[in-house]
Each structure stands twice: as C-alpha cells, then as structure tokens.
PDB file of all heavy atoms in Angstrom:
ATOM      1  N   ILE A   1       7.084  -4.490   4.831  1.00  0.00           N
ATOM      2  CA  ILE A   1       7.310  -3.751   3.569  1.00  0.00           C
ATOM      3  C   ILE A   1       7.122  -2.193   3.988  1.00  0.00           C
ATOM      4  O   ILE A   1       6.078  -1.799   4.471  1.00  0.00           O
ATOM      5  CB  ILE A   1       6.433  -4.055   2.461  1.00  0.00           C
ATOM      6  CG1 ILE A   1       6.661  -5.578   1.982  1.00  0.00           C
ATOM      7  CG2 ILE A   1       6.660  -3.262   1.240  1.00  0.00           C
ATOM      8  CD1 ILE A   1       7.838  -5.838   1.221  1.00  0.00           C
ATOM      9  N   TRP A   2       8.155  -1.460   3.720  1.00  0.00           N
ATOM     10  CA  TRP A   2       8.142  -0.017   4.082  1.00  0.00           C
ATOM     11  C   TRP A   2       7.982   0.791   2.820  1.00  0.00           C
ATOM     12  O   TRP A   2       8.930   0.884   2.002  1.00  0.00           O
ATOM     13  CB  TRP A   2       9.451   0.356   4.756  1.00  0.00           C
ATOM     14  CG  TRP A   2       9.390   1.411   5.701  1.00  0.00           C
ATOM     15  CD1 TRP A   2       9.286   1.455   7.098  1.00  0.00           C
ATOM     16  CD2 TRP A   2       9.541   2.820   5.411  1.00  0.00           C
ATOM     17  NE1 TRP A   2       9.364   2.689   7.617  1.00  0.00           N
ATOM     18  CE2 TRP A   2       9.542   3.603   6.683  1.00  0.00           C
ATOM     19  CE3 TRP A   2       9.794   3.586   4.251  1.00  0.00           C
ATOM     20  CZ2 TRP A   2       9.673   4.953   6.714  1.00  0.00           C
ATOM     21  CZ3 TRP A   2       9.897   4.909   4.299  1.00  0.00           C
ATOM     22  CH2 TRP A   2       9.844   5.631   5.463  1.00  0.00           C
ATOM     23  N   PHE A   3       6.797   1.432   2.644  1.00  0.00           N
ATOM     24  CA  PHE A   3       6.537   2.239   1.445  1.00  0.00           C
ATOM     25  C   PHE A   3       6.830   3.694   1.824  1.00  0.00           C
ATOM     26  O   PHE A   3       6.899   3.963   2.992  1.00  0.00           O
ATOM     27  CB  PHE A   3       5.022   2.092   0.960  1.00  0.00           C
ATOM     28  CG  PHE A   3       4.740   0.652   0.458  1.00  0.00           C
ATOM     29  CD1 PHE A   3       4.139  -0.247   1.257  1.00  0.00           C
ATOM     30  CD2 PHE A   3       5.253   0.218  -0.740  1.00  0.00           C
ATOM     31  CE1 PHE A   3       3.876  -1.569   0.867  1.00  0.00           C
ATOM     32  CE2 PHE A   3       4.960  -0.954  -1.225  1.00  0.00           C
ATOM     33  CZ  PHE A   3       4.264  -2.005  -0.368  1.00  0.00           C
ATOM     34  N   ASP A   4       6.836   4.527   0.777  1.00  0.00           N
ATOM     35  CA  ASP A   4       7.362   5.915   1.032  1.00  0.00           C
ATOM     36  C   ASP A   4       6.598   6.901   0.279  1.00  0.00           C
ATOM     37  O   ASP A   4       7.181   7.656  -0.643  1.00  0.00           O
ATOM     38  CB  ASP A   4       8.840   5.966   0.683  1.00  0.00           C
ATOM     39  CG  ASP A   4       9.487   7.256   1.220  1.00  0.00           C
ATOM     40  OD1 ASP A   4       8.834   7.913   2.184  1.00  0.00           O
ATOM     41  OD2 ASP A   4      10.582   7.475   0.874  1.00  0.00           O
ATOM     42  N   MET A   5       5.236   6.968   0.523  1.00  0.00           N
ATOM     43  CA  MET A   5       4.462   8.155  -0.026  1.00  0.00           C
ATOM     44  C   MET A   5       3.892   8.907   1.125  1.00  0.00           C
ATOM     45  O   MET A   5       3.287   8.359   2.074  1.00  0.00           O
ATOM     46  CB  MET A   5       3.295   7.577  -0.820  1.00  0.00           C
ATOM     47  CG  MET A   5       2.451   8.697  -1.485  1.00  0.00           C
ATOM     48  SD  MET A   5       1.316   8.200  -2.861  1.00  0.00           S
ATOM     49  CE  MET A   5       0.159   7.442  -1.776  1.00  0.00           C
ATOM     50  N   TRP A   6       4.294  10.117   1.056  1.00  0.00           N
ATOM     51  CA  TRP A   6       4.032  11.016   2.367  1.00  0.00           C
ATOM     52  C   TRP A   6       2.942  11.906   2.188  1.00  0.00           C
ATOM     53  O   TRP A   6       2.723  12.854   2.943  1.00  0.00           O
ATOM     54  CB  TRP A   6       5.383  11.773   2.639  1.00  0.00           C
ATOM     55  CG  TRP A   6       5.921  12.605   1.534  1.00  0.00           C
ATOM     56  CD1 TRP A   6       5.563  13.890   1.205  1.00  0.00           C
ATOM     57  CD2 TRP A   6       6.810  12.155   0.639  1.00  0.00           C
ATOM     58  NE1 TRP A   6       6.345  14.321   0.098  1.00  0.00           N
ATOM     59  CE2 TRP A   6       7.051  13.274  -0.365  1.00  0.00           C
ATOM     60  CE3 TRP A   6       7.510  10.957   0.382  1.00  0.00           C
ATOM     61  CZ2 TRP A   6       7.921  13.095  -1.370  1.00  0.00           C
ATOM     62  CZ3 TRP A   6       8.409  10.862  -0.680  1.00  0.00           C
ATOM     63  CH2 TRP A   6       8.607  11.922  -1.540  1.00  0.00           C
ATOM     64  N   ILE A   7       2.051  11.640   1.274  1.00  0.00           N
ATOM     65  CA  ILE A   7       0.792  12.377   1.031  1.00  0.00           C
ATOM     66  C   ILE A   7      -0.289  11.417   0.873  1.00  0.00           C
ATOM     67  O   ILE A   7      -0.056  10.204   0.399  1.00  0.00           O
ATOM     68  CB  ILE A   7       0.817  13.350  -0.128  1.00  0.00           C
ATOM     69  CG1 ILE A   7       0.981  12.639  -1.467  1.00  0.00           C
ATOM     70  CG2 ILE A   7       1.855  14.538   0.114  1.00  0.00           C
ATOM     71  CD1 ILE A   7       0.873  13.567  -2.644  1.00  0.00           C
ATOM     72  N   PRO A   8      -1.552  11.606   1.184  1.00  0.00           N
ATOM     73  CA  PRO A   8      -2.670  10.730   0.988  1.00  0.00           C
ATOM     74  C   PRO A   8      -2.831  10.426  -0.533  1.00  0.00           C
ATOM     75  O   PRO A   8      -2.536  11.268  -1.456  1.00  0.00           O
ATOM     76  CB  PRO A   8      -3.923  11.494   1.465  1.00  0.00           C
ATOM     77  CG  PRO A   8      -3.395  12.612   2.288  1.00  0.00           C
ATOM     78  CD  PRO A   8      -2.048  12.945   1.856  1.00  0.00           C
ATOM     79  N   TYR A   9      -3.139   9.203  -0.887  1.00  0.00           N
ATOM     80  CA  TYR A   9      -3.284   8.786  -2.241  1.00  0.00           C
ATOM     81  C   TYR A   9      -4.176   9.752  -3.116  1.00  0.00           C
ATOM     82  O   TYR A   9      -3.934   9.880  -4.312  1.00  0.00           O
ATOM     83  CB  TYR A   9      -3.725   7.347  -2.423  1.00  0.00           C
ATOM     84  CG  TYR A   9      -5.171   7.154  -2.230  1.00  0.00           C
ATOM     85  CD1 TYR A   9      -6.104   7.190  -3.170  1.00  0.00           C
ATOM     86  CD2 TYR A   9      -5.701   6.904  -0.885  1.00  0.00           C
ATOM     87  CE1 TYR A   9      -7.447   6.974  -3.067  1.00  0.00           C
ATOM     88  CE2 TYR A   9      -7.140   6.650  -0.687  1.00  0.00           C
ATOM     89  CZ  TYR A   9      -7.924   6.712  -1.755  1.00  0.00           C
ATOM     90  OH  TYR A   9      -9.280   6.521  -1.505  1.00  0.00           O
ATOM     91  N   GLN A  10      -5.169  10.363  -2.339  1.00  0.00           N
ATOM     92  CA  GLN A  10      -6.122  11.235  -3.180  1.00  0.00           C
ATOM     93  C   GLN A  10      -5.405  12.420  -3.756  1.00  0.00           C
ATOM     94  O   GLN A  10      -5.932  12.995  -4.697  1.00  0.00           O
ATOM     95  CB  GLN A  10      -7.180  11.744  -2.213  1.00  0.00           C
ATOM     96  CG  GLN A  10      -8.149  10.582  -1.757  1.00  0.00           C
ATOM     97  CD  GLN A  10      -7.638  10.035  -0.381  1.00  0.00           C
ATOM     98  OE1 GLN A  10      -6.581  10.063   0.001  1.00  0.00           O
ATOM     99  NE2 GLN A  10      -8.652   9.627   0.414  1.00  0.00           N
ATOM    100  N   GLN A  11      -4.239  12.784  -3.222  1.00  0.00           N
ATOM    101  CA  GLN A  11      -3.518  13.879  -3.669  1.00  0.00           C
ATOM    102  C   GLN A  11      -2.346  13.520  -4.652  1.00  0.00           C
ATOM    103  O   GLN A  11      -1.525  14.320  -4.999  1.00  0.00           O
ATOM    104  CB  GLN A  11      -2.877  14.704  -2.492  1.00  0.00           C
ATOM    105  CG  GLN A  11      -3.934  15.225  -1.523  1.00  0.00           C
ATOM    106  CD  GLN A  11      -3.265  16.027  -0.342  1.00  0.00           C
ATOM    107  OE1 GLN A  11      -2.125  16.451  -0.375  1.00  0.00           O
ATOM    108  NE2 GLN A  11      -4.057  16.266   0.649  1.00  0.00           N
ATOM    109  N   SER A  12      -2.268  12.279  -5.053  1.00  0.00           N
ATOM    110  CA  SER A  12      -1.405  11.785  -5.934  1.00  0.00           C
ATOM    111  C   SER A  12      -1.991  11.117  -7.184  1.00  0.00           C
ATOM    112  O   SER A  12      -3.172  11.232  -7.338  1.00  0.00           O
ATOM    113  CB  SER A  12      -0.512  10.556  -5.302  1.00  0.00           C
ATOM    114  OG  SER A  12      -1.223   9.369  -5.175  1.00  0.00           O
ATOM    115  N   ILE A  13      -1.293  10.584  -8.026  1.00  0.00           N
ATOM    116  CA  ILE A  13      -1.713   9.942  -9.193  1.00  0.00           C
ATOM    117  C   ILE A  13      -2.272   8.508  -8.963  1.00  0.00           C
ATOM    118  O   ILE A  13      -2.943   7.903  -9.714  1.00  0.00           O
ATOM    119  CB  ILE A  13      -0.636   9.919 -10.377  1.00  0.00           C
ATOM    120  CG1 ILE A  13      -1.245   9.541 -11.759  1.00  0.00           C
ATOM    121  CG2 ILE A  13       0.497   8.914  -9.964  1.00  0.00           C
ATOM    122  CD1 ILE A  13      -0.252   9.794 -12.846  1.00  0.00           C
ATOM    123  N   ILE A  14      -1.813   8.031  -7.743  1.00  0.00           N
ATOM    124  CA  ILE A  14      -2.151   6.618  -7.441  1.00  0.00           C
ATOM    125  C   ILE A  14      -3.638   6.500  -7.135  1.00  0.00           C
ATOM    126  O   ILE A  14      -4.247   7.426  -6.568  1.00  0.00           O
ATOM    127  CB  ILE A  14      -1.444   6.168  -6.257  1.00  0.00           C
ATOM    128  CG1 ILE A  14       0.084   6.084  -6.564  1.00  0.00           C
ATOM    129  CG2 ILE A  14      -1.907   4.830  -5.730  1.00  0.00           C
ATOM    130  CD1 ILE A  14       1.024   5.630  -5.424  1.00  0.00           C
ATOM    131  N   LYS A  15      -4.270   5.367  -7.481  1.00  0.00           N
ATOM    132  CA  LYS A  15      -5.695   5.072  -7.266  1.00  0.00           C
ATOM    133  C   LYS A  15      -5.814   4.015  -6.116  1.00  0.00           C
ATOM    134  O   LYS A  15      -4.878   3.169  -5.927  1.00  0.00           O
ATOM    135  CB  LYS A  15      -6.354   4.479  -8.543  1.00  0.00           C
ATOM    136  CG  LYS A  15      -6.325   5.448  -9.747  1.00  0.00           C
ATOM    137  CD  LYS A  15      -7.067   6.732  -9.454  1.00  0.00           C
ATOM    138  CE  LYS A  15      -7.132   7.619 -10.641  1.00  0.00           C
ATOM    139  NZ  LYS A  15      -5.926   8.398 -10.888  1.00  0.00           N
ATOM    140  N   LYS A  16      -6.918   4.118  -5.301  1.00  0.00           N
ATOM    141  CA  LYS A  16      -7.077   3.234  -4.274  1.00  0.00           C
ATOM    142  C   LYS A  16      -6.983   1.841  -4.698  1.00  0.00           C
ATOM    143  O   LYS A  16      -6.508   0.938  -3.967  1.00  0.00           O
ATOM    144  CB  LYS A  16      -8.390   3.539  -3.589  1.00  0.00           C
ATOM    145  CG  LYS A  16      -8.630   2.827  -2.315  1.00  0.00           C
ATOM    146  CD  LYS A  16      -9.852   3.243  -1.631  1.00  0.00           C
ATOM    147  CE  LYS A  16     -10.152   2.403  -0.347  1.00  0.00           C
ATOM    148  NZ  LYS A  16     -11.464   2.792   0.327  1.00  0.00           N
ATOM    149  N   GLU A  17      -7.577   1.486  -5.872  1.00  0.00           N
ATOM    150  CA  GLU A  17      -7.633   0.159  -6.326  1.00  0.00           C
ATOM    151  C   GLU A  17      -6.168  -0.413  -6.436  1.00  0.00           C
ATOM    152  O   GLU A  17      -5.901  -1.617  -6.251  1.00  0.00           O
ATOM    153  CB  GLU A  17      -8.370   0.147  -7.655  1.00  0.00           C
ATOM    154  CG  GLU A  17      -9.794   0.464  -7.563  1.00  0.00           C
ATOM    155  CD  GLU A  17     -10.031   1.988  -7.538  1.00  0.00           C
ATOM    156  OE1 GLU A  17      -9.166   2.669  -8.133  1.00  0.00           O
ATOM    157  OE2 GLU A  17     -10.948   2.412  -6.805  1.00  0.00           O
ATOM    158  N   GLN A  18      -5.208   0.482  -6.880  1.00  0.00           N
ATOM    159  CA  GLN A  18      -3.897   0.082  -7.056  1.00  0.00           C
ATOM    160  C   GLN A  18      -3.260  -0.350  -5.691  1.00  0.00           C
ATOM    161  O   GLN A  18      -2.514  -1.303  -5.566  1.00  0.00           O
ATOM    162  CB  GLN A  18      -3.111   1.142  -7.816  1.00  0.00           C
ATOM    163  CG  GLN A  18      -3.538   1.344  -9.290  1.00  0.00           C
ATOM    164  CD  GLN A  18      -3.000   2.515  -9.844  1.00  0.00           C
ATOM    165  OE1 GLN A  18      -2.842   3.605  -9.186  1.00  0.00           O
ATOM    166  NE2 GLN A  18      -2.821   2.571 -11.183  1.00  0.00           N
ATOM    167  N   LEU A  19      -3.538   0.556  -4.701  1.00  0.00           N
ATOM    168  CA  LEU A  19      -2.899   0.220  -3.359  1.00  0.00           C
ATOM    169  C   LEU A  19      -3.529  -0.969  -2.729  1.00  0.00           C
ATOM    170  O   LEU A  19      -2.891  -1.776  -2.083  1.00  0.00           O
ATOM    171  CB  LEU A  19      -3.222   1.404  -2.446  1.00  0.00           C
ATOM    172  CG  LEU A  19      -2.516   2.794  -2.902  1.00  0.00           C
ATOM    173  CD1 LEU A  19      -2.965   3.859  -1.962  1.00  0.00           C
ATOM    174  CD2 LEU A  19      -1.065   2.638  -2.918  1.00  0.00           C
ATOM    175  N   LEU A  20      -4.922  -1.186  -2.950  1.00  0.00           N
ATOM    176  CA  LEU A  20      -5.484  -2.418  -2.445  1.00  0.00           C
ATOM    177  C   LEU A  20      -4.949  -3.635  -3.121  1.00  0.00           C
ATOM    178  O   LEU A  20      -4.890  -4.697  -2.546  1.00  0.00           O
ATOM    179  CB  LEU A  20      -6.966  -2.293  -2.584  1.00  0.00           C
ATOM    180  CG  LEU A  20      -7.693  -1.261  -1.707  1.00  0.00           C
ATOM    181  CD1 LEU A  20      -9.211  -1.260  -2.012  1.00  0.00           C
ATOM    182  CD2 LEU A  20      -7.484  -1.563  -0.231  1.00  0.00           C
ATOM    183  N   GLN A  21      -4.654  -3.440  -4.370  1.00  0.00           N
ATOM    184  CA  GLN A  21      -3.938  -4.604  -5.167  1.00  0.00           C
ATOM    185  C   GLN A  21      -2.620  -4.940  -4.494  1.00  0.00           C
ATOM    186  O   GLN A  21      -2.319  -6.160  -4.335  1.00  0.00           O
ATOM    187  CB  GLN A  21      -3.695  -4.191  -6.545  1.00  0.00           C
ATOM    188  CG  GLN A  21      -3.090  -5.253  -7.442  1.00  0.00           C
ATOM    189  CD  GLN A  21      -2.714  -4.767  -8.819  1.00  0.00           C
ATOM    190  OE1 GLN A  21      -2.796  -3.562  -9.086  1.00  0.00           O
ATOM    191  NE2 GLN A  21      -2.392  -5.687  -9.686  1.00  0.00           N
ATOM    192  N   VAL A  22      -1.923  -4.016  -4.022  1.00  0.00           N
ATOM    193  CA  VAL A  22      -0.527  -4.271  -3.257  1.00  0.00           C
ATOM    194  C   VAL A  22      -0.909  -4.947  -1.993  1.00  0.00           C
ATOM    195  O   VAL A  22      -0.164  -5.909  -1.632  1.00  0.00           O
ATOM    196  CB  VAL A  22       0.239  -2.919  -3.103  1.00  0.00           C
ATOM    197  CG1 VAL A  22       1.287  -3.110  -2.057  1.00  0.00           C
ATOM    198  CG2 VAL A  22       0.748  -2.390  -4.349  1.00  0.00           C
ATOM    199  N   VAL A  23      -1.805  -4.415  -1.198  1.00  0.00           N
ATOM    200  CA  VAL A  23      -2.252  -4.993   0.031  1.00  0.00           C
ATOM    201  C   VAL A  23      -2.600  -6.471  -0.138  1.00  0.00           C
ATOM    202  O   VAL A  23      -2.175  -7.468   0.540  1.00  0.00           O
ATOM    203  CB  VAL A  23      -3.335  -4.303   0.729  1.00  0.00           C
ATOM    204  CG1 VAL A  23      -3.828  -5.043   1.916  1.00  0.00           C
ATOM    205  CG2 VAL A  23      -2.896  -2.950   1.084  1.00  0.00           C
ATOM    206  N   LYS A  24      -3.395  -6.800  -1.181  1.00  0.00           N
ATOM    207  CA  LYS A  24      -3.856  -8.099  -1.439  1.00  0.00           C
ATOM    208  C   LYS A  24      -2.708  -9.124  -1.738  1.00  0.00           C
ATOM    209  O   LYS A  24      -2.636 -10.268  -1.235  1.00  0.00           O
ATOM    210  CB  LYS A  24      -4.800  -8.155  -2.569  1.00  0.00           C
ATOM    211  CG  LYS A  24      -5.419  -9.517  -2.821  1.00  0.00           C
ATOM    212  CD  LYS A  24      -6.481  -9.449  -4.030  1.00  0.00           C
ATOM    213  CE  LYS A  24      -6.998 -10.850  -4.350  1.00  0.00           C
ATOM    214  NZ  LYS A  24      -8.049 -10.769  -5.496  1.00  0.00           N
ATOM    215  N   LEU A  25      -1.789  -8.493  -2.546  1.00  0.00           N
ATOM    216  CA  LEU A  25      -0.577  -9.340  -2.888  1.00  0.00           C
ATOM    217  C   LEU A  25       0.198  -9.709  -1.655  1.00  0.00           C
ATOM    218  O   LEU A  25       0.680 -10.840  -1.553  1.00  0.00           O
ATOM    219  CB  LEU A  25       0.312  -8.515  -3.922  1.00  0.00           C
ATOM    220  CG  LEU A  25       1.543  -9.131  -4.385  1.00  0.00           C
ATOM    221  CD1 LEU A  25       1.190 -10.408  -5.308  1.00  0.00           C
ATOM    222  CD2 LEU A  25       2.482  -8.276  -5.114  1.00  0.00           C
ATOM    223  N   ILE A  26       0.534  -8.724  -0.835  1.00  0.00           N
ATOM    224  CA  ILE A  26       1.271  -8.980   0.325  1.00  0.00           C
ATOM    225  C   ILE A  26       0.513  -9.877   1.359  1.00  0.00           C
ATOM    226  O   ILE A  26       1.083 -10.797   1.914  1.00  0.00           O
ATOM    227  CB  ILE A  26       1.581  -7.622   1.058  1.00  0.00           C
ATOM    228  CG1 ILE A  26       2.459  -6.769   0.233  1.00  0.00           C
ATOM    229  CG2 ILE A  26       2.217  -7.885   2.456  1.00  0.00           C
ATOM    230  CD1 ILE A  26       2.684  -5.331   0.813  1.00  0.00           C
ATOM    231  N   ARG A  27      -0.749  -9.716   1.448  1.00  0.00           N
ATOM    232  CA  ARG A  27      -1.511 -10.585   2.433  1.00  0.00           C
ATOM    233  C   ARG A  27      -1.559 -12.055   1.845  1.00  0.00           C
ATOM    234  O   ARG A  27      -1.452 -12.991   2.606  1.00  0.00           O
ATOM    235  CB  ARG A  27      -2.936 -10.153   2.621  1.00  0.00           C
ATOM    236  CG  ARG A  27      -3.072  -8.745   3.181  1.00  0.00           C
ATOM    237  CD  ARG A  27      -2.537  -8.615   4.561  1.00  0.00           C
ATOM    238  NE  ARG A  27      -2.867  -7.357   5.135  1.00  0.00           N
ATOM    239  CZ  ARG A  27      -2.009  -6.563   5.913  1.00  0.00           C
ATOM    240  NH1 ARG A  27      -0.788  -6.882   5.907  1.00  0.00           N
ATOM    241  NH2 ARG A  27      -2.422  -5.438   6.432  1.00  0.00           N
ATOM    242  N   GLN A  28      -1.543 -12.194   0.636  1.00  0.00           N
ATOM    243  CA  GLN A  28      -1.423 -13.584  -0.018  1.00  0.00           C
ATOM    244  C   GLN A  28      -0.141 -14.226   0.083  1.00  0.00           C
ATOM    245  O   GLN A  28       0.029 -15.471   0.548  1.00  0.00           O
ATOM    246  CB  GLN A  28      -1.881 -13.573  -1.470  1.00  0.00           C
ATOM    247  CG  GLN A  28      -3.380 -13.239  -1.678  1.00  0.00           C
ATOM    248  CD  GLN A  28      -3.733 -13.099  -3.119  1.00  0.00           C
ATOM    249  OE1 GLN A  28      -2.942 -12.924  -3.983  1.00  0.00           O
ATOM    250  NE2 GLN A  28      -5.068 -13.155  -3.443  1.00  0.00           N
ATOM    251  N   LEU A  29       0.959 -13.558  -0.248  1.00  0.00           N
ATOM    252  CA  LEU A  29       2.235 -14.063  -0.308  1.00  0.00           C
ATOM    253  C   LEU A  29       2.954 -14.157   1.055  1.00  0.00           C
ATOM    254  O   LEU A  29       3.818 -15.143   1.279  1.00  0.00           O
ATOM    255  CB  LEU A  29       3.049 -13.346  -1.402  1.00  0.00           C
ATOM    256  CG  LEU A  29       2.617 -13.451  -2.806  1.00  0.00           C
ATOM    257  CD1 LEU A  29       3.567 -12.636  -3.792  1.00  0.00           C
ATOM    258  CD2 LEU A  29       2.459 -14.916  -3.318  1.00  0.00           C
ATOM    259  N   GLN A  30       2.755 -13.218   1.848  1.00  0.00           N
ATOM    260  CA  GLN A  30       3.452 -13.018   3.180  1.00  0.00           C
ATOM    261  C   GLN A  30       2.433 -12.538   4.161  1.00  0.00           C
ATOM    262  O   GLN A  30       2.463 -11.389   4.567  1.00  0.00           O
ATOM    263  CB  GLN A  30       4.617 -12.094   3.129  1.00  0.00           C
ATOM    264  CG  GLN A  30       5.779 -12.474   2.192  1.00  0.00           C
ATOM    265  CD  GLN A  30       6.888 -13.323   2.879  1.00  0.00           C
ATOM    266  OE1 GLN A  30       6.834 -13.531   4.137  1.00  0.00           O
ATOM    267  NE2 GLN A  30       7.828 -13.773   2.116  1.00  0.00           N
ATOM    268  N   PRO A  31       1.491 -13.416   4.622  1.00  0.00           N
ATOM    269  CA  PRO A  31       0.444 -13.059   5.560  1.00  0.00           C
ATOM    270  C   PRO A  31       0.875 -12.357   6.851  1.00  0.00           C
ATOM    271  O   PRO A  31       0.169 -11.519   7.415  1.00  0.00           O
ATOM    272  CB  PRO A  31      -0.301 -14.425   5.929  1.00  0.00           C
ATOM    273  CG  PRO A  31       0.044 -15.227   4.768  1.00  0.00           C
ATOM    274  CD  PRO A  31       1.458 -14.800   4.325  1.00  0.00           C
ATOM    275  N   GLN A  32       2.090 -12.568   7.283  1.00  0.00           N
ATOM    276  CA  GLN A  32       2.557 -12.021   8.568  1.00  0.00           C
ATOM    277  C   GLN A  32       3.398 -10.733   8.261  1.00  0.00           C
ATOM    278  O   GLN A  32       3.872 -10.142   9.198  1.00  0.00           O
ATOM    279  CB  GLN A  32       3.481 -12.996   9.242  1.00  0.00           C
ATOM    280  CG  GLN A  32       2.666 -14.358   9.779  1.00  0.00           C
ATOM    281  CD  GLN A  32       1.474 -13.910  10.546  1.00  0.00           C
ATOM    282  OE1 GLN A  32       1.589 -13.145  11.594  1.00  0.00           O
ATOM    283  NE2 GLN A  32       0.244 -14.528  10.228  1.00  0.00           N
ATOM    284  N   CYS A  33       3.516 -10.416   7.068  1.00  0.00           N
ATOM    285  CA  CYS A  33       4.304  -9.257   6.773  1.00  0.00           C
ATOM    286  C   CYS A  33       3.573  -7.920   7.037  1.00  0.00           C
ATOM    287  O   CYS A  33       2.371  -7.864   6.665  1.00  0.00           O
ATOM    288  CB  CYS A  33       4.720  -9.196   5.229  1.00  0.00           C
ATOM    289  SG  CYS A  33       5.656  -7.770   4.686  1.00  0.00           S
ATOM    290  N   LEU A  34       4.195  -7.025   7.709  1.00  0.00           N
ATOM    291  CA  LEU A  34       3.572  -5.721   8.091  1.00  0.00           C
ATOM    292  C   LEU A  34       3.701  -4.731   7.029  1.00  0.00           C
ATOM    293  O   LEU A  34       4.692  -4.702   6.238  1.00  0.00           O
ATOM    294  CB  LEU A  34       4.206  -5.183   9.385  1.00  0.00           C
ATOM    295  CG  LEU A  34       4.353  -6.155  10.661  1.00  0.00           C
ATOM    296  CD1 LEU A  34       4.937  -5.382  11.767  1.00  0.00           C
ATOM    297  CD2 LEU A  34       2.929  -6.686  10.984  1.00  0.00           C
ATOM    298  N   ILE A  35       2.719  -3.846   6.903  1.00  0.00           N
ATOM    299  CA  ILE A  35       2.645  -2.796   5.948  1.00  0.00           C
ATOM    300  C   ILE A  35       2.604  -1.352   6.687  1.00  0.00           C
ATOM    301  O   ILE A  35       1.783  -1.225   7.682  1.00  0.00           O
ATOM    302  CB  ILE A  35       1.407  -2.891   5.016  1.00  0.00           C
ATOM    303  CG1 ILE A  35       1.357  -4.224   4.300  1.00  0.00           C
ATOM    304  CG2 ILE A  35       1.320  -1.744   4.118  1.00  0.00           C
ATOM    305  CD1 ILE A  35       0.066  -4.513   3.590  1.00  0.00           C
ATOM    306  N   ASN A  36       3.450  -0.431   6.274  1.00  0.00           N
ATOM    307  CA  ASN A  36       3.418   0.824   6.966  1.00  0.00           C
ATOM    308  C   ASN A  36       2.489   1.777   6.280  1.00  0.00           C
ATOM    309  O   ASN A  36       1.993   1.654   5.198  1.00  0.00           O
ATOM    310  CB  ASN A  36       4.858   1.416   7.048  1.00  0.00           C
ATOM    311  CG  ASN A  36       5.326   2.026   5.714  1.00  0.00           C
ATOM    312  OD1 ASN A  36       5.040   1.595   4.636  1.00  0.00           O
ATOM    313  ND2 ASN A  36       6.173   3.052   5.779  1.00  0.00           N
ATOM    314  N   SER A  37       2.162   2.931   7.013  1.00  0.00           N
ATOM    315  CA  SER A  37       1.237   3.883   6.626  1.00  0.00           C
ATOM    316  C   SER A  37       1.580   4.682   5.409  1.00  0.00           C
ATOM    317  O   SER A  37       0.668   5.276   4.797  1.00  0.00           O
ATOM    318  CB  SER A  37       0.846   4.769   7.803  1.00  0.00           C
ATOM    319  OG  SER A  37       1.950   5.508   8.276  1.00  0.00           O
ATOM    320  N   ARG A  38       2.790   4.784   4.988  1.00  0.00           N
ATOM    321  CA  ARG A  38       3.201   5.458   3.826  1.00  0.00           C
ATOM    322  C   ARG A  38       2.865   4.822   2.486  1.00  0.00           C
ATOM    323  O   ARG A  38       3.172   5.151   1.453  1.00  0.00           O
ATOM    324  CB  ARG A  38       4.642   5.830   3.880  1.00  0.00           C
ATOM    325  CG  ARG A  38       4.995   6.906   4.837  1.00  0.00           C
ATOM    326  CD  ARG A  38       6.358   7.553   4.541  1.00  0.00           C
ATOM    327  NE  ARG A  38       6.784   8.255   5.714  1.00  0.00           N
ATOM    328  CZ  ARG A  38       8.075   8.729   5.848  1.00  0.00           C
ATOM    329  NH1 ARG A  38       8.916   8.666   4.819  1.00  0.00           N
ATOM    330  NH2 ARG A  38       8.474   9.475   6.872  1.00  0.00           N
ATOM    331  N   LEU A  39       2.141   3.635   2.579  1.00  0.00           N
ATOM    332  CA  LEU A  39       1.536   3.024   1.482  1.00  0.00           C
ATOM    333  C   LEU A  39       0.567   4.065   0.810  1.00  0.00           C
ATOM    334  O   LEU A  39       0.400   4.084  -0.421  1.00  0.00           O
ATOM    335  CB  LEU A  39       0.705   1.780   1.804  1.00  0.00           C
ATOM    336  CG  LEU A  39      -0.044   1.110   0.716  1.00  0.00           C
ATOM    337  CD1 LEU A  39       0.908   0.472  -0.282  1.00  0.00           C
ATOM    338  CD2 LEU A  39      -0.954   0.051   1.206  1.00  0.00           C
ATOM    339  N   GLY A  40      -0.029   4.874   1.630  1.00  0.00           N
ATOM    340  CA  GLY A  40      -0.876   5.945   1.166  1.00  0.00           C
ATOM    341  C   GLY A  40      -2.342   5.811   1.687  1.00  0.00           C
ATOM    342  O   GLY A  40      -3.132   6.755   1.460  1.00  0.00           O
TER     343      GLY A  40
END
C-alpha cells in the first residue's frame, strides 16, 4: 500500500493513533503487505 503524505504527521491534522490504526488493519488483513514511509 503506497500512501502519499509528504510531511511528518505532526505537521498535519492526522494523529498518530489514526496512522497506527491503518497499520494494524493492514497487518491483520494482509500480513505480507508492505507499507511505505509516506504513511507519515
């Protein structure tokens, strides 16, 4: 999964808990799916 946020989450409206929620979802449904750094 290729996300597209080009600034750290601290400089955006996104909260760390929301990003970790995405990570948890991906790890549960597709354990071998890679995540890129633009997640934030």
